[in-house]
Amino acid sequence: MQKIILNSKIHRMLVTNKNINYEGSIEIDKEILDLSNIHEGEMVQVVNLNTGERFETYTIAGKPGSRVCALNGGAARKGEIGDLLLIMSYCIIDLDKIETHKPTILIMGEGNEVKAKK
C-alpha cells in the first residue's frame, strides 16, 4: 500500500510579481526550488495565507538569486503582490517508508530569503 505525503514546503513566500497573460504556473527562484527539493515542472499546491485561496499549478524556475515568486496565467487571479503563500509538493510513498520520510521545509523571511531549512 502507498500513501500521498508531504515532500516539500516553502512556508510564507511573498508574491513579488503576477502576469495574467502568461501561459500559467508559479515562477520561483531556482535557488529556492533547489533548496526545497521542488523540481521545475512539478505540480504544487499553493495556499494564499491572505485570502485562504488554494490552487494547484506547476513550477517554473526563475532567475537564481532573484527571490522571485510570480503568479502567472490563471494563478495570477488567486493572489496579489505582497500576499504570503505556502507552496507544497507531495510524493507517493510505500507505507513501510513513511516513518523515515522527512519532508524538506523552508521557512522564508523578509525579501524571500531563506530563514531556516528543516
Protein backbone atom coordinates (compact mmCIF):
# COMPACT_ATOMS: atom_id res chain seq x y z
CA MET A 1 0.00 0.00 0.00
CA GLN A 2 1.09 3.57 -0.66
CA LYS A 3 0.05 6.99 0.60
CA ILE A 4 0.42 10.53 -0.64
CA ILE A 5 2.53 12.51 1.82
CA LEU A 6 4.15 15.96 2.06
CA ASN A 7 7.52 16.02 0.33
CA SER A 8 8.42 19.73 0.33
CA LYS A 9 7.05 23.00 1.67
CA ILE A 10 8.02 26.64 1.19
CA HIS A 11 6.46 28.48 4.14
CA ARG A 12 5.45 32.17 3.85
CA MET A 13 6.85 33.03 0.43
CA LEU A 14 5.97 36.57 -0.67
CA VAL A 15 4.36 37.13 -4.08
CA THR A 16 6.68 39.53 -5.93
CA ASN A 17 5.02 39.64 -9.35
CA LYS A 18 1.99 38.49 -11.34
CA ASN A 19 1.24 38.22 -15.04
CA ILE A 20 -2.27 37.25 -16.14
CA ASN A 21 -1.18 36.98 -19.79
CA TYR A 22 1.46 34.32 -19.16
CA GLU A 23 0.64 30.70 -20.08
CA GLY A 24 0.31 29.63 -16.45
CA SER A 25 2.28 28.41 -13.45
CA ILE A 26 4.13 29.80 -10.46
CA GLU A 27 7.65 31.08 -11.05
CA ILE A 28 10.04 30.56 -8.13
CA ASP A 29 13.72 31.49 -7.83
CA LYS A 30 15.75 28.43 -8.98
CA GLU A 31 17.91 28.56 -5.83
CA ILE A 32 14.80 28.27 -3.66
CA LEU A 33 13.39 25.45 -5.79
CA ASP A 34 16.68 23.55 -5.43
CA LEU A 35 16.82 24.09 -1.65
CA SER A 36 13.21 22.98 -1.26
CA ASN A 37 13.60 19.83 -3.37
CA ILE A 38 10.84 21.01 -5.72
CA HIS A 39 11.61 20.47 -9.39
CA GLU A 40 10.78 22.65 -12.37
CA GLY A 41 7.50 21.47 -13.87
CA GLU A 42 6.42 19.73 -10.66
CA MET A 43 2.80 20.05 -9.58
CA VAL A 44 2.41 22.08 -6.39
CA GLN A 45 -0.46 23.04 -4.13
CA VAL A 46 -0.45 26.73 -3.24
CA VAL A 47 -2.27 28.26 -0.26
CA ASN A 48 -2.66 32.03 -0.10
CA LEU A 49 -2.43 32.96 3.60
CA ASN A 50 -4.04 36.36 2.95
CA THR A 51 -7.20 35.02 1.29
CA GLY A 52 -7.39 31.34 2.17
CA GLU A 53 -7.45 30.53 -1.55
CA ARG A 54 -6.00 27.13 -2.55
CA PHE A 55 -4.98 26.06 -6.03
CA GLU A 56 -2.74 23.68 -7.93
CA THR A 57 -0.28 24.62 -10.66
CA TYR A 58 3.21 23.70 -11.81
CA THR A 59 6.54 25.38 -11.13
CA ILE A 60 8.90 27.18 -13.45
CA ALA A 61 12.39 28.16 -12.38
CA GLY A 62 13.06 31.86 -12.02
CA LYS A 63 16.43 33.57 -12.20
CA PRO A 64 18.74 32.21 -9.47
CA GLY A 65 19.14 34.75 -6.66
CA SER A 66 16.20 36.89 -7.81
CA ARG A 67 13.95 35.73 -4.93
CA VAL A 68 11.05 35.91 -7.40
CA CYS A 69 7.67 34.36 -6.69
CA ALA A 70 5.37 35.20 -9.59
CA LEU A 71 1.79 34.08 -10.13
CA ASN A 72 1.17 33.58 -13.85
CA GLY A 73 -1.85 32.95 -16.05
CA GLY A 74 -4.98 31.90 -14.15
CA ALA A 75 -2.95 31.67 -10.93
CA ALA A 76 -2.46 35.45 -11.13
CA ARG A 77 -6.14 35.79 -10.19
CA LYS A 78 -5.51 33.84 -6.96
CA GLY A 79 -3.32 36.43 -5.24
CA GLU A 80 -1.81 39.88 -5.18
CA ILE A 81 1.73 41.18 -4.96
CA GLY A 82 2.61 41.16 -1.26
CA ASP A 83 0.48 38.11 -0.37
CA LEU A 84 2.12 35.31 1.61
CA LEU A 85 1.95 31.76 0.25
CA LEU A 86 2.52 28.20 1.35
CA ILE A 87 3.83 26.13 -1.57
CA MET A 88 3.73 22.35 -1.12
CA SER A 89 4.65 19.29 -3.14
CA TYR A 90 3.72 15.72 -2.34
CA CYS A 91 5.09 12.27 -3.10
CA ILE A 92 3.68 8.76 -3.19
CA ILE A 93 5.47 6.57 -0.69
CA ASP A 94 5.26 2.98 0.47
CA LEU A 95 3.78 2.55 3.96
CA ASP A 96 6.97 0.93 5.25
CA LYS A 97 8.94 4.11 4.41
CA ILE A 98 6.58 6.70 5.89
CA GLU A 99 8.15 6.66 9.36
CA THR A 100 11.60 7.54 7.98
CA HIS A 101 10.45 10.07 5.37
CA LYS A 102 11.36 13.66 6.27
CA PRO A 103 9.86 16.43 4.16
CA THR A 104 12.02 19.41 3.23
CA ILE A 105 10.61 22.60 4.76
CA LEU A 106 11.91 26.10 4.04
CA ILE A 107 10.86 28.97 6.31
CA MET A 108 11.03 32.23 4.39
CA GLY A 109 11.94 35.61 5.83
CA GLU A 110 11.96 39.18 4.63
CA GLY A 111 12.76 39.63 0.94
CA ASN A 112 12.10 35.93 0.30
CA GLU A 113 15.37 34.99 1.97
CA VAL A 114 15.51 31.50 3.49
CA LYS A 115 15.41 31.91 7.29
CA ALA A 116 15.56 28.21 8.11
CA LYS A 117 15.61 24.81 6.47
CA LYS A 118 14.09 21.88 8.34
